[in-house]
């Protein structure tokens, strides 16, 4: 029923809780979060990177100047369509740029602190 998700190796789409997409350099990063299973401390997630498609667009017809732009990969849009069918996301409110940057910064802080805790736990096991 979800051929693009199946192509990514996701065989239980009913376990998907939410997803996020962000741009990193010349790639779009799709992260899919699954429902937390009983006994798990954190919910499982998987990450996929899609290269952005490059396109030359005519800027000035008189001088024939072109500018290279990048846009989302077509395969990623197909996957997002399937994810929207599963997660039925609410209308996304557009945040002002400052709020978005602060939100991204808070997310980065959580990821880094979580990774530090994981490395410290691994280090403690070596003693």
PDB file of N, CA and C in Angstrom:
ATOM      1  N   UNK A   1       0.810  -1.186   0.000  1.00  0.00           N
ATOM      2  CA  UNK A   1       0.000   0.000   0.000  1.00  0.00           C
ATOM      3  C   UNK A   1       0.864   1.266   0.000  1.00  0.00           C
ATOM      4  N   UNK A   2       2.055   1.179   0.564  1.00  0.00           N
ATOM      5  CA  UNK A   2       2.986   2.308   0.596  1.00  0.00           C
ATOM      6  C   UNK A   2       4.294   1.875  -0.073  1.00  0.00           C
ATOM      7  N   UNK A   3       4.336   1.869  -1.387  1.00  0.00           N
ATOM      8  CA  UNK A   3       5.508   1.327  -2.093  1.00  0.00           C
ATOM      9  C   UNK A   3       6.803   2.086  -1.829  1.00  0.00           C
ATOM     10  N   UNK A   4       6.736   3.396  -1.656  1.00  0.00           N
ATOM     11  CA  UNK A   4       7.967   4.159  -1.447  1.00  0.00           C
ATOM     12  C   UNK A   4       8.532   3.930  -0.049  1.00  0.00           C
ATOM     13  N   UNK A   5       7.660   3.811   0.943  1.00  0.00           N
ATOM     14  CA  UNK A   5       8.134   3.497   2.291  1.00  0.00           C
ATOM     15  C   UNK A   5       8.681   2.075   2.349  1.00  0.00           C
ATOM     16  N   UNK A   6       8.016   1.161   1.672  1.00  0.00           N
ATOM     17  CA  UNK A   6       8.501  -0.217   1.611  1.00  0.00           C
ATOM     18  C   UNK A   6       9.875  -0.250   0.951  1.00  0.00           C
ATOM     19  N   UNK A   7      10.066   0.579  -0.072  1.00  0.00           N
ATOM     20  CA  UNK A   7      11.358   0.671  -0.748  1.00  0.00           C
ATOM     21  C   UNK A   7      12.465   1.166   0.177  1.00  0.00           C
ATOM     22  N   UNK A   8      12.094   1.907   1.207  1.00  0.00           N
ATOM     23  CA  UNK A   8      13.071   2.379   2.194  1.00  0.00           C
ATOM     24  C   UNK A   8      13.339   1.333   3.271  1.00  0.00           C
ATOM     25  N   UNK A   9      12.588   0.226   3.234  1.00  0.00           N
ATOM     26  CA  UNK A   9      12.774  -0.831   4.225  1.00  0.00           C
ATOM     27  C   UNK A   9      11.819  -0.727   5.398  1.00  0.00           C
ATOM     28  N   UNK A  10      10.798   0.101   5.274  1.00  0.00           N
ATOM     29  CA  UNK A  10       9.815   0.248   6.346  1.00  0.00           C
ATOM     30  C   UNK A  10       8.635  -0.664   6.026  1.00  0.00           C
ATOM     31  N   UNK A  11       8.547  -1.759   6.775  1.00  0.00           N
ATOM     32  CA  UNK A  11       7.528  -2.766   6.487  1.00  0.00           C
ATOM     33  C   UNK A  11       6.325  -2.685   7.420  1.00  0.00           C
ATOM     34  N   UNK A  12       6.401  -1.833   8.444  1.00  0.00           N
ATOM     35  CA  UNK A  12       5.272  -1.649   9.357  1.00  0.00           C
ATOM     36  C   UNK A  12       4.931  -0.161   9.451  1.00  0.00           C
ATOM     37  N   UNK A  13       4.342   0.379   8.386  1.00  0.00           N
ATOM     38  CA  UNK A  13       4.053   1.816   8.382  1.00  0.00           C
ATOM     39  C   UNK A  13       3.055   2.241   9.452  1.00  0.00           C
ATOM     40  N   UNK A  14       2.260   1.311   9.970  1.00  0.00           N
ATOM     41  CA  UNK A  14       1.296   1.676  11.009  1.00  0.00           C
ATOM     42  C   UNK A  14       1.989   2.045  12.327  1.00  0.00           C
ATOM     43  N   UNK A  15       3.277   1.734  12.455  1.00  0.00           N
ATOM     44  CA  UNK A  15       4.039   2.082  13.657  1.00  0.00           C
ATOM     45  C   UNK A  15       4.649   3.487  13.590  1.00  0.00           C
ATOM     46  N   UNK A  16       4.502   4.155  12.439  1.00  0.00           N
ATOM     47  CA  UNK A  16       5.061   5.501  12.287  1.00  0.00           C
ATOM     48  C   UNK A  16       4.203   6.491  13.072  1.00  0.00           C
ATOM     49  N   UNK A  17       4.875   7.289  13.885  1.00  0.00           N
ATOM     50  CA  UNK A  17       4.164   8.282  14.694  1.00  0.00           C
ATOM     51  C   UNK A  17       4.220   9.670  14.054  1.00  0.00           C
ATOM     52  N   UNK A  18       5.426  10.059  13.593  1.00  0.00           N
ATOM     53  CA  UNK A  18       5.602  11.375  12.983  1.00  0.00           C
ATOM     54  C   UNK A  18       6.878  11.369  12.164  1.00  0.00           C
ATOM     55  N   UNK A  19       7.133  12.489  11.507  1.00  0.00           N
ATOM     56  CA  UNK A  19       8.359  12.625  10.727  1.00  0.00           C
ATOM     57  C   UNK A  19       8.768  14.081  10.694  1.00  0.00           C
ATOM     58  N   UNK A  20      10.021  14.302  10.319  1.00  0.00           N
ATOM     59  CA  UNK A  20      10.498  15.678  10.138  1.00  0.00           C
ATOM     60  C   UNK A  20      11.411  15.709   8.923  1.00  0.00           C
ATOM     61  N   UNK A  21      11.468  16.870   8.288  1.00  0.00           N
ATOM     62  CA  UNK A  21      12.344  17.074   7.140  1.00  0.00           C
ATOM     63  C   UNK A  21      13.099  18.368   7.386  1.00  0.00           C
ATOM     64  N   UNK A  22      14.414  18.315   7.198  1.00  0.00           N
ATOM     65  CA  UNK A  22      15.209  19.532   7.320  1.00  0.00           C
ATOM     66  C   UNK A  22      16.278  19.528   6.238  1.00  0.00           C
ATOM     67  N   UNK A  23      16.805  20.700   5.966  1.00  0.00           N
ATOM     68  CA  UNK A  23      17.827  20.822   4.930  1.00  0.00           C
ATOM     69  C   UNK A  23      19.184  20.956   5.582  1.00  0.00           C
ATOM     70  N   UNK A  24      20.139  20.162   5.104  1.00  0.00           N
ATOM     71  CA  UNK A  24      21.511  20.178   5.589  1.00  0.00           C
ATOM     72  C   UNK A  24      22.407  20.300   4.386  1.00  0.00           C
ATOM     73  N   UNK A  25      23.072  21.427   4.231  1.00  0.00           N
ATOM     74  CA  UNK A  25      23.953  21.673   3.082  1.00  0.00           C
ATOM     75  C   UNK A  25      23.195  21.424   1.786  1.00  0.00           C
ATOM     76  N   UNK A  26      23.621  20.456   1.004  1.00  0.00           N
ATOM     77  CA  UNK A  26      22.980  20.174  -0.290  1.00  0.00           C
ATOM     78  C   UNK A  26      22.122  18.914  -0.223  1.00  0.00           C
ATOM     79  N   UNK A  27      21.630  18.610   0.974  1.00  0.00           N
ATOM     80  CA  UNK A  27      20.805  17.416   1.156  1.00  0.00           C
ATOM     81  C   UNK A  27      19.585  17.754   1.994  1.00  0.00           C
ATOM     82  N   UNK A  28      18.519  16.993   1.777  1.00  0.00           N
ATOM     83  CA  UNK A  28      17.356  17.053   2.644  1.00  0.00           C
ATOM     84  C   UNK A  28      17.414  15.817   3.524  1.00  0.00           C
ATOM     85  N   UNK A  29      17.166  15.998   4.815  1.00  0.00           N
ATOM     86  CA  UNK A  29      17.236  14.889   5.764  1.00  0.00           C
ATOM     87  C   UNK A  29      15.823  14.592   6.255  1.00  0.00           C
ATOM     88  N   UNK A  30      15.386  13.373   5.988  1.00  0.00           N
ATOM     89  CA  UNK A  30      14.078  12.902   6.432  1.00  0.00           C
ATOM     90  C   UNK A  30      14.306  12.012   7.646  1.00  0.00           C
ATOM     91  N   UNK A  31      13.610  12.317   8.734  1.00  0.00           N
ATOM     92  CA  UNK A  31      13.715  11.484   9.926  1.00  0.00           C
ATOM     93  C   UNK A  31      12.315  10.999  10.271  1.00  0.00           C
ATOM     94  N   UNK A  32      12.177   9.684  10.367  1.00  0.00           N
ATOM     95  CA  UNK A  32      10.889   9.064  10.664  1.00  0.00           C
ATOM     96  C   UNK A  32      10.948   8.498  12.078  1.00  0.00           C
ATOM     97  N   UNK A  33       9.966   8.888  12.893  1.00  0.00           N
ATOM     98  CA  UNK A  33       9.893   8.449  14.281  1.00  0.00           C
ATOM     99  C   UNK A  33       8.785   7.399  14.411  1.00  0.00           C
ATOM    100  N   UNK A  34       9.091   6.314  15.105  1.00  0.00           N
ATOM    101  CA  UNK A  34       8.127   5.248  15.324  1.00  0.00           C
ATOM    102  C   UNK A  34       7.558   5.340  16.732  1.00  0.00           C
ATOM    103  N   UNK A  35       6.417   4.714  16.944  1.00  0.00           N
ATOM    104  CA  UNK A  35       5.817   4.692  18.280  1.00  0.00           C
ATOM    105  C   UNK A  35       6.748   3.961  19.240  1.00  0.00           C
ATOM    106  N   UNK A  36       6.801   4.472  20.438  1.00  0.00           N
ATOM    107  CA  UNK A  36       7.651   3.860  21.461  1.00  0.00           C
ATOM    108  C   UNK A  36       7.053   2.523  21.856  1.00  0.00           C
ATOM    109  N   UNK A  37       7.865   1.491  21.836  1.00  0.00           N
ATOM    110  CA  UNK A  37       7.421   0.156  22.216  1.00  0.00           C
ATOM    111  C   UNK A  37       7.574  -0.020  23.719  1.00  0.00           C
ATOM    112  N   UNK A  38       6.821  -0.923  24.267  1.00  0.00           N
ATOM    113  CA  UNK A  38       6.859  -1.194  25.702  1.00  0.00           C
ATOM    114  C   UNK A  38       8.276  -1.599  26.110  1.00  0.00           C
ATOM    115  N   UNK A  39       8.768  -0.967  27.155  1.00  0.00           N
ATOM    116  CA  UNK A  39      10.093  -1.286  27.659  1.00  0.00           C
ATOM    117  C   UNK A  39      11.214  -0.476  27.023  1.00  0.00           C
ATOM    118  N   UNK A  40      10.919   0.327  26.010  1.00  0.00           N
ATOM    119  CA  UNK A  40      11.946   1.145  25.370  1.00  0.00           C
ATOM    120  C   UNK A  40      12.022   2.498  26.071  1.00  0.00           C
ATOM    121  N   UNK A  41      13.247   2.970  26.254  1.00  0.00           N
ATOM    122  CA  UNK A  41      13.433   4.271  26.873  1.00  0.00           C
ATOM    123  C   UNK A  41      13.145   5.388  25.873  1.00  0.00           C
ATOM    124  N   UNK A  42      13.641   5.215  24.661  1.00  0.00           N
ATOM    125  CA  UNK A  42      13.423   6.199  23.600  1.00  0.00           C
ATOM    126  C   UNK A  42      12.695   5.537  22.443  1.00  0.00           C
ATOM    127  N   UNK A  43      11.936   6.327  21.715  1.00  0.00           N
ATOM    128  CA  UNK A  43      11.283   5.816  20.512  1.00  0.00           C
ATOM    129  C   UNK A  43      12.343   5.628  19.433  1.00  0.00           C
ATOM    130  N   UNK A  44      12.147   4.628  18.598  1.00  0.00           N
ATOM    131  CA  UNK A  44      13.077   4.335  17.519  1.00  0.00           C
ATOM    132  C   UNK A  44      12.849   5.342  16.390  1.00  0.00           C
ATOM    133  N   UNK A  45      13.922   5.686  15.694  1.00  0.00           N
ATOM    134  CA  UNK A  45      13.797   6.566  14.534  1.00  0.00           C
ATOM    135  C   UNK A  45      14.817   6.137  13.492  1.00  0.00           C
ATOM    136  N   UNK A  46      14.535   6.477  12.246  1.00  0.00           N
ATOM    137  CA  UNK A  46      15.464   6.206  11.149  1.00  0.00           C
ATOM    138  C   UNK A  46      15.632   7.502  10.365  1.00  0.00           C
ATOM    139  N   UNK A  47      16.805   7.637   9.748  1.00  0.00           N
ATOM    140  CA  UNK A  47      17.132   8.861   9.040  1.00  0.00           C
ATOM    141  C   UNK A  47      17.540   8.516   7.604  1.00  0.00           C
ATOM    142  N   UNK A  48      17.062   9.319   6.673  1.00  0.00           N
ATOM    143  CA  UNK A  48      17.399   9.144   5.265  1.00  0.00           C
ATOM    144  C   UNK A  48      17.849  10.486   4.703  1.00  0.00           C
ATOM    145  N   UNK A  49      18.879  10.459   3.866  1.00  0.00           N
ATOM    146  CA  UNK A  49      19.373  11.696   3.250  1.00  0.00           C
ATOM    147  C   UNK A  49      19.124  11.639   1.747  1.00  0.00           C
ATOM    148  N   UNK A  50      18.578  12.724   1.233  1.00  0.00           N
ATOM    149  CA  UNK A  50      18.283  12.839  -0.193  1.00  0.00           C
ATOM    150  C   UNK A  50      19.036  14.034  -0.757  1.00  0.00           C
ATOM    151  N   UNK A  51      19.805  13.829  -1.828  1.00  0.00           N
ATOM    152  CA  UNK A  51      20.481  14.979  -2.442  1.00  0.00           C
ATOM    153  C   UNK A  51      19.449  15.898  -3.092  1.00  0.00           C
ATOM    154  N   UNK A  52      19.681  17.189  -2.987  1.00  0.00           N
ATOM    155  CA  UNK A  52      18.775  18.147  -3.617  1.00  0.00           C
ATOM    156  C   UNK A  52      19.051  18.169  -5.118  1.00  0.00           C
ATOM    157  N   UNK A  53      17.992  18.325  -5.898  1.00  0.00           N
ATOM    158  CA  UNK A  53      18.129  18.379  -7.348  1.00  0.00           C
ATOM    159  C   UNK A  53      18.504  19.794  -7.746  1.00  0.00           C
ATOM    160  N   UNK A  54      19.498  19.903  -8.631  1.00  0.00           N
ATOM    161  CA  UNK A  54      19.955  21.209  -9.093  1.00  0.00           C
ATOM    162  C   UNK A  54      19.277  21.544 -10.417  1.00  0.00           C
ATOM    163  N   UNK A  55      18.972  22.820 -10.563  1.00  0.00           N
ATOM    164  CA  UNK A  55      18.251  23.271 -11.737  1.00  0.00           C
ATOM    165  C   UNK A  55      18.758  24.660 -12.120  1.00  0.00           C
ATOM    166  N   UNK A  56      18.925  24.914 -13.409  1.00  0.00           N
ATOM    167  CA  UNK A  56      19.298  26.241 -13.878  1.00  0.00           C
ATOM    168  C   UNK A  56      18.041  26.979 -14.302  1.00  0.00           C
ATOM    169  N   UNK A  57      17.866  28.182 -13.737  1.00  0.00           N
ATOM    170  CA  UNK A  57      16.679  28.974 -14.017  1.00  0.00           C
ATOM    171  C   UNK A  57      17.108  30.284 -14.661  1.00  0.00           C
ATOM    172  N   UNK A  58      16.393  30.661 -15.707  1.00  0.00           N
ATOM    173  CA  UNK A  58      16.672  31.906 -16.407  1.00  0.00           C
ATOM    174  C   UNK A  58      16.301  33.082 -15.512  1.00  0.00           C
ATOM    175  N   UNK A  59      17.286  33.942 -15.225  1.00  0.00           N
ATOM    176  CA  UNK A  59      17.061  35.098 -14.369  1.00  0.00           C
ATOM    177  C   UNK A  59      16.707  36.315 -15.213  1.00  0.00           C
ATOM    178  N   UNK A  60      17.475  36.528 -16.283  1.00  0.00           N
ATOM    179  CA  UNK A  60      17.273  37.690 -17.143  1.00  0.00           C
ATOM    180  C   UNK A  60      17.287  37.228 -18.590  1.00  0.00           C
ATOM    181  N   UNK A  61      16.130  37.314 -19.231  1.00  0.00           N
ATOM    182  CA  UNK A  61      16.018  36.837 -20.614  1.00  0.00           C
ATOM    183  C   UNK A  61      16.855  37.635 -21.595  1.00  0.00           C
ATOM    184  N   UNK A  62      17.020  38.948 -21.353  1.00  0.00           N
ATOM    185  CA  UNK A  62      17.787  39.793 -22.271  1.00  0.00           C
ATOM    186  C   UNK A  62      19.258  39.435 -22.297  1.00  0.00           C
ATOM    187  N   UNK A  63      19.834  39.178 -21.150  1.00  0.00           N
ATOM    188  CA  UNK A  63      21.267  38.867 -21.092  1.00  0.00           C
ATOM    189  C   UNK A  63      21.522  37.370 -20.986  1.00  0.00           C
ATOM    190  N   UNK A  64      20.472  36.593 -20.984  1.00  0.00           N
ATOM    191  CA  UNK A  64      20.569  35.126 -20.887  1.00  0.00           C
ATOM    192  C   UNK A  64      21.352  34.683 -19.657  1.00  0.00           C
ATOM    193  N   UNK A  65      21.092  35.328 -18.530  1.00  0.00           N
ATOM    194  CA  UNK A  65      21.751  34.940 -17.284  1.00  0.00           C
ATOM    195  C   UNK A  65      20.917  33.869 -16.598  1.00  0.00           C
ATOM    196  N   UNK A  66      21.614  32.841 -16.159  1.00  0.00           N
ATOM    197  CA  UNK A  66      20.967  31.746 -15.450  1.00  0.00           C
ATOM    198  C   UNK A  66      21.491  31.693 -14.023  1.00  0.00           C
ATOM    199  N   UNK A  67      20.665  31.185 -13.140  1.00  0.00           N
ATOM    200  CA  UNK A  67      21.082  30.986 -11.758  1.00  0.00           C
ATOM    201  C   UNK A  67      20.747  29.549 -11.376  1.00  0.00           C
ATOM    202  N   UNK A  68      21.674  28.921 -10.680  1.00  0.00           N
ATOM    203  CA  UNK A  68      21.442  27.535 -10.252  1.00  0.00           C
ATOM    204  C   UNK A  68      20.662  27.540  -8.943  1.00  0.00           C
ATOM    205  N   UNK A  69      19.579  26.807  -8.913  1.00  0.00           N
ATOM    206  CA  UNK A  69      18.802  26.651  -7.690  1.00  0.00           C
ATOM    207  C   UNK A  69      18.711  25.168  -7.370  1.00  0.00           C
ATOM    208  N   UNK A  70      18.354  24.864  -6.143  1.00  0.00           N
ATOM    209  CA  UNK A  70      18.163  23.464  -5.787  1.00  0.00           C
ATOM    210  C   UNK A  70      16.743  23.292  -5.296  1.00  0.00           C
ATOM    211  N   UNK A  71      16.213  22.110  -5.513  1.00  0.00           N
ATOM    212  CA  UNK A  71      14.852  21.831  -5.057  1.00  0.00           C
ATOM    213  C   UNK A  71      14.791  20.425  -4.502  1.00  0.00           C
ATOM    214  N   UNK A  72      13.705  20.141  -3.811  1.00  0.00           N
ATOM    215  CA  UNK A  72      13.528  18.856  -3.148  1.00  0.00           C
ATOM    216  C   UNK A  72      13.517  17.709  -4.166  1.00  0.00           C
ATOM    217  N   UNK A  73      14.098  16.600  -3.780  1.00  0.00           N
ATOM    218  CA  UNK A  73      14.174  15.411  -4.619  1.00  0.00           C
ATOM    219  C   UNK A  73      12.768  14.842  -4.840  1.00  0.00           C
ATOM    220  N   UNK A  74      12.477  14.437  -6.051  1.00  0.00           N
ATOM    221  CA  UNK A  74      11.143  13.919  -6.386  1.00  0.00           C
ATOM    222  C   UNK A  74      10.792  12.686  -5.547  1.00  0.00           C
ATOM    223  N   UNK A  75      11.761  11.799  -5.322  1.00  0.00           N
ATOM    224  CA  UNK A  75      11.494  10.606  -4.512  1.00  0.00           C
ATOM    225  C   UNK A  75      11.093  10.981  -3.090  1.00  0.00           C
ATOM    226  N   UNK A  76      11.725  12.030  -2.556  1.00  0.00           N
ATOM    227  CA  UNK A  76      11.385  12.469  -1.209  1.00  0.00           C
ATOM    228  C   UNK A  76       9.954  12.992  -1.163  1.00  0.00           C
ATOM    229  N   UNK A  77       9.520  13.701  -2.183  1.00  0.00           N
ATOM    230  CA  UNK A  77       8.137  14.198  -2.186  1.00  0.00           C
ATOM    231  C   UNK A  77       7.140  13.042  -2.200  1.00  0.00           C
ATOM    232  N   UNK A  78       7.463  11.966  -2.904  1.00  0.00           N
ATOM    233  CA  UNK A  78       6.584  10.793  -2.946  1.00  0.00           C
ATOM    234  C   UNK A  78       6.519  10.112  -1.575  1.00  0.00           C
ATOM    235  N   UNK A  79       7.658  10.034  -0.897  1.00  0.00           N
ATOM    236  CA  UNK A  79       7.694   9.447   0.441  1.00  0.00           C
ATOM    237  C   UNK A  79       6.898  10.321   1.412  1.00  0.00           C
ATOM    238  N   UNK A  80       7.059  11.639   1.315  1.00  0.00           N
ATOM    239  CA  UNK A  80       6.338  12.558   2.191  1.00  0.00           C
ATOM    240  C   UNK A  80       4.832  12.436   1.976  1.00  0.00           C
ATOM    241  N   UNK A  81       4.409  12.269   0.724  1.00  0.00           N
ATOM    242  CA  UNK A  81       2.981  12.074   0.456  1.00  0.00           C
ATOM    243  C   UNK A  81       2.445  10.852   1.197  1.00  0.00           C
ATOM    244  N   UNK A  82       3.208   9.760   1.175  1.00  0.00           N
ATOM    245  CA  UNK A  82       2.784   8.547   1.882  1.00  0.00           C
ATOM    246  C   UNK A  82       2.793   8.767   3.394  1.00  0.00           C
ATOM    247  N   UNK A  83       3.802   9.472   3.898  1.00  0.00           N
ATOM    248  CA  UNK A  83       3.866   9.751   5.331  1.00  0.00           C
ATOM    249  C   UNK A  83       2.695  10.632   5.770  1.00  0.00           C
ATOM    250  N   UNK A  84       2.294  11.572   4.927  1.00  0.00           N
ATOM    251  CA  UNK A  84       1.153  12.429   5.263  1.00  0.00           C
ATOM    252  C   UNK A  84      -0.136  11.627   5.350  1.00  0.00           C
ATOM    253  N   UNK A  85      -0.252  10.590   4.531  1.00  0.00           N
ATOM    254  CA  UNK A  85      -1.434   9.728   4.609  1.00  0.00           C
ATOM    255  C   UNK A  85      -1.475   8.968   5.937  1.00  0.00           C
ATOM    256  N   UNK A  86      -0.310   8.588   6.421  1.00  0.00           N
ATOM    257  CA  UNK A  86      -0.223   7.811   7.656  1.00  0.00           C
ATOM    258  C   UNK A  86      -0.373   8.701   8.884  1.00  0.00           C
ATOM    259  N   UNK A  87       0.353   9.812   8.907  1.00  0.00           N
ATOM    260  CA  UNK A  87       0.403  10.641  10.114  1.00  0.00           C
ATOM    261  C   UNK A  87      -0.692  11.703  10.159  1.00  0.00           C
ATOM    262  N   UNK A  88      -1.260  12.023   9.025  1.00  0.00           N
ATOM    263  CA  UNK A  88      -2.290  13.067   8.939  1.00  0.00           C
ATOM    264  C   UNK A  88      -1.893  14.296   9.747  1.00  0.00           C
ATOM    265  N   UNK A  89      -0.798  14.955   9.336  1.00  0.00           N
ATOM    266  CA  UNK A  89      -0.308  16.090  10.127  1.00  0.00           C
ATOM    267  C   UNK A  89      -1.283  17.260  10.136  1.00  0.00           C
ATOM    268  N   UNK A  90      -1.310  17.960  11.256  1.00  0.00           N
ATOM    269  CA  UNK A  90      -2.130  19.174  11.344  1.00  0.00           C
ATOM    270  C   UNK A  90      -1.488  20.238  10.475  1.00  0.00           C
ATOM    271  N   UNK A  91      -2.238  21.239  10.147  1.00  0.00           N
ATOM    272  CA  UNK A  91      -1.685  22.322   9.340  1.00  0.00           C
ATOM    273  C   UNK A  91      -0.468  22.897  10.053  1.00  0.00           C
ATOM    274  N   UNK A  92       0.612  23.005   9.334  1.00  0.00           N
ATOM    275  CA  UNK A  92       1.848  23.517   9.902  1.00  0.00           C
ATOM    276  C   UNK A  92       1.764  25.037   9.957  1.00  0.00           C
ATOM    277  N   UNK A  93       1.990  25.552  11.139  1.00  0.00           N
ATOM    278  CA  UNK A  93       1.995  27.000  11.278  1.00  0.00           C
ATOM    279  C   UNK A  93       3.377  27.504  10.915  1.00  0.00           C
ATOM    280  N   UNK A  94       3.416  28.595  10.177  1.00  0.00           N
ATOM    281  CA  UNK A  94       4.706  29.151   9.809  1.00  0.00           C
ATOM    282  C   UNK A  94       5.229  29.983  10.969  1.00  0.00           C
ATOM    283  N   UNK A  95       6.397  29.607  11.451  1.00  0.00           N
ATOM    284  CA  UNK A  95       7.038  30.336  12.526  1.00  0.00           C
ATOM    285  C   UNK A  95       7.839  31.478  11.938  1.00  0.00           C
ATOM    286  N   UNK A  96       8.015  32.514  12.727  1.00  0.00           N
ATOM    287  CA  UNK A  96       8.881  33.562  12.220  1.00  0.00           C
ATOM    288  C   UNK A  96      10.307  33.021  12.263  1.00  0.00           C
ATOM    289  N   UNK A  97      11.192  33.567  11.448  1.00  0.00           N
ATOM    290  CA  UNK A  97      12.551  33.013  11.326  1.00  0.00           C
ATOM    291  C   UNK A  97      13.290  32.910  12.657  1.00  0.00           C
ATOM    292  N   UNK A  98      13.105  33.880  13.533  1.00  0.00           N
ATOM    293  CA  UNK A  98      13.788  33.840  14.828  1.00  0.00           C
ATOM    294  C   UNK A  98      13.308  32.647  15.650  1.00  0.00           C
ATOM    295  N   UNK A  99      11.999  32.398  15.665  1.00  0.00           N
ATOM    296  CA  UNK A  99      11.452  31.265  16.412  1.00  0.00           C
ATOM    297  C   UNK A  99      11.952  29.942  15.835  1.00  0.00           C
ATOM    298  N   UNK A 100      12.028  29.853  14.520  1.00  0.00           N
ATOM    299  CA  UNK A 100      12.505  28.628  13.878  1.00  0.00           C
ATOM    300  C   UNK A 100      13.959  28.359  14.257  1.00  0.00           C
ATOM    301  N   UNK A 101      14.788  29.399  14.227  1.00  0.00           N
ATOM    302  CA  UNK A 101      16.202  29.242  14.583  1.00  0.00           C
ATOM    303  C   UNK A 101      16.328  28.812  16.041  1.00  0.00           C
ATOM    304  N   UNK A 102      15.557  29.437  16.922  1.00  0.00           N
ATOM    305  CA  UNK A 102      15.594  29.047  18.337  1.00  0.00           C
ATOM    306  C   UNK A 102      15.127  27.612  18.532  1.00  0.00           C
ATOM    307  N   UNK A 103      14.105  27.219  17.799  1.00  0.00           N
ATOM    308  CA  UNK A 103      13.611  25.843  17.876  1.00  0.00           C
ATOM    309  C   UNK A 103      14.675  24.855  17.396  1.00  0.00           C
ATOM    310  N   UNK A 104      15.330  25.186  16.283  1.00  0.00           N
ATOM    311  CA  UNK A 104      16.405  24.329  15.763  1.00  0.00           C
ATOM    312  C   UNK A 104      17.555  24.234  16.755  1.00  0.00           C
ATOM    313  N   UNK A 105      17.873  25.347  17.395  1.00  0.00           N
ATOM    314  CA  UNK A 105      18.955  25.373  18.368  1.00  0.00           C
ATOM    315  C   UNK A 105      18.629  24.496  19.577  1.00  0.00           C
ATOM    316  N   UNK A 106      17.398  24.573  20.070  1.00  0.00           N
ATOM    317  CA  UNK A 106      16.981  23.737  21.208  1.00  0.00           C
ATOM    318  C   UNK A 106      17.038  22.256  20.827  1.00  0.00           C
ATOM    319  N   UNK A 107      16.617  21.947  19.611  1.00  0.00           N
ATOM    320  CA  UNK A 107      16.667  20.555  19.151  1.00  0.00           C
ATOM    321  C   UNK A 107      18.117  20.071  19.108  1.00  0.00           C
ATOM    322  N   UNK A 108      19.009  20.901  18.589  1.00  0.00           N
ATOM    323  CA  UNK A 108      20.416  20.543  18.521  1.00  0.00           C
ATOM    324  C   UNK A 108      20.998  20.316  19.917  1.00  0.00           C
ATOM    325  N   UNK A 109      20.612  21.161  20.870  1.00  0.00           N
ATOM    326  CA  UNK A 109      21.072  20.989  22.253  1.00  0.00           C
ATOM    327  C   UNK A 109      20.642  19.636  22.811  1.00  0.00           C
ATOM    328  N   UNK A 110      19.393  19.246  22.546  1.00  0.00           N
ATOM    329  CA  UNK A 110      18.897  17.958  23.032  1.00  0.00           C
ATOM    330  C   UNK A 110      19.665  16.798  22.408  1.00  0.00           C
ATOM    331  N   UNK A 111      19.897  16.883  21.101  1.00  0.00           N
ATOM    332  CA  UNK A 111      20.602  15.811  20.395  1.00  0.00           C
ATOM    333  C   UNK A 111      22.026  15.680  20.923  1.00  0.00           C
ATOM    334  N   UNK A 112      22.713  16.816  21.073  1.00  0.00           N
ATOM    335  CA  UNK A 112      24.105  16.783  21.538  1.00  0.00           C
ATOM    336  C   UNK A 112      24.181  16.258  22.974  1.00  0.00           C
ATOM    337  N   UNK A 113      23.307  16.733  23.860  1.00  0.00           N
ATOM    338  CA  UNK A 113      23.362  16.266  25.249  1.00  0.00           C
ATOM    339  C   UNK A 113      23.032  14.780  25.344  1.00  0.00           C
ATOM    340  N   UNK A 114      22.110  14.318  24.521  1.00  0.00           N
ATOM    341  CA  UNK A 114      21.779  12.897  24.497  1.00  0.00           C
ATOM    342  C   UNK A 114      22.978  12.068  24.025  1.00  0.00           C
ATOM    343  N   UNK A 115      23.660  12.545  22.998  1.00  0.00           N
ATOM    344  CA  UNK A 115      24.823  11.835  22.470  1.00  0.00           C
ATOM    345  C   UNK A 115      25.956  11.825  23.491  1.00  0.00           C
ATOM    346  N   UNK A 116      26.163  12.940  24.182  1.00  0.00           N
ATOM    347  CA  UNK A 116      27.196  12.999  25.220  1.00  0.00           C
ATOM    348  C   UNK A 116      26.895  11.993  26.325  1.00  0.00           C
ATOM    349  N   UNK A 117      25.631  11.926  26.749  1.00  0.00           N
ATOM    350  CA  UNK A 117      25.247  10.968  27.784  1.00  0.00           C
ATOM    351  C   UNK A 117      25.492   9.530  27.316  1.00  0.00           C
ATOM    352  N   UNK A 118      25.196   9.263  26.047  1.00  0.00           N
ATOM    353  CA  UNK A 118      25.418   7.920  25.492  1.00  0.00           C
ATOM    354  C   UNK A 118      26.901   7.572  25.484  1.00  0.00           C
ATOM    355  N   UNK A 119      27.738   8.505  25.081  1.00  0.00           N
ATOM    356  CA  UNK A 119      29.192   8.265  25.043  1.00  0.00           C
ATOM    357  C   UNK A 119      29.739   8.100  26.457  1.00  0.00           C
ATOM    358  N   UNK A 120      29.262   8.912  27.397  1.00  0.00           N
ATOM    359  CA  UNK A 120      29.708   8.778  28.785  1.00  0.00           C
ATOM    360  C   UNK A 120      29.319   7.423  29.365  1.00  0.00           C
ATOM    361  N   UNK A 121      28.139   6.932  29.018  1.00  0.00           N
ATOM    362  CA  UNK A 121      27.703   5.614  29.488  1.00  0.00           C
ATOM    363  C   UNK A 121      28.595   4.522  28.904  1.00  0.00           C
ATOM    364  N   UNK A 122      28.937   4.648  27.627  1.00  0.00           N
ATOM    365  CA  UNK A 122      29.848   3.689  27.001  1.00  0.00           C
ATOM    366  C   UNK A 122      31.222   3.731  27.675  1.00  0.00           C
ATOM    367  N   UNK A 123      31.673   4.930  27.996  1.00  0.00           N
ATOM    368  CA  UNK A 123      32.961   5.102  28.647  1.00  0.00           C
ATOM    369  C   UNK A 123      32.949   4.491  30.049  1.00  0.00           C
ATOM    370  N   UNK A 124      31.843   4.653  30.749  1.00  0.00           N
ATOM    371  CA  UNK A 124      31.733   4.092  32.106  1.00  0.00           C
ATOM    372  C   UNK A 124      31.793   2.567  32.084  1.00  0.00           C
ATOM    373  N   UNK A 125      31.318   1.975  30.999  1.00  0.00           N
ATOM    374  CA  UNK A 125      31.345   0.506  30.877  1.00  0.00           C
ATOM    375  C   UNK A 125      32.774   0.001  30.728  1.00  0.00           C
ATOM    376  N   UNK A 126      33.680   0.837  30.230  1.00  0.00           N
ATOM    377  CA  UNK A 126      35.069   0.426  29.995  1.00  0.00           C
ATOM    378  C   UNK A 126      35.914   0.416  31.269  1.00  0.00           C
ATOM    379  N   UNK A 127      35.456   1.086  32.302  1.00  0.00           N
ATOM    380  CA  UNK A 127      36.256   1.189  33.545  1.00  0.00           C
ATOM    381  C   UNK A 127      36.243  -0.052  34.348  1.00  0.00           C
TER     382      UNK A 127
END
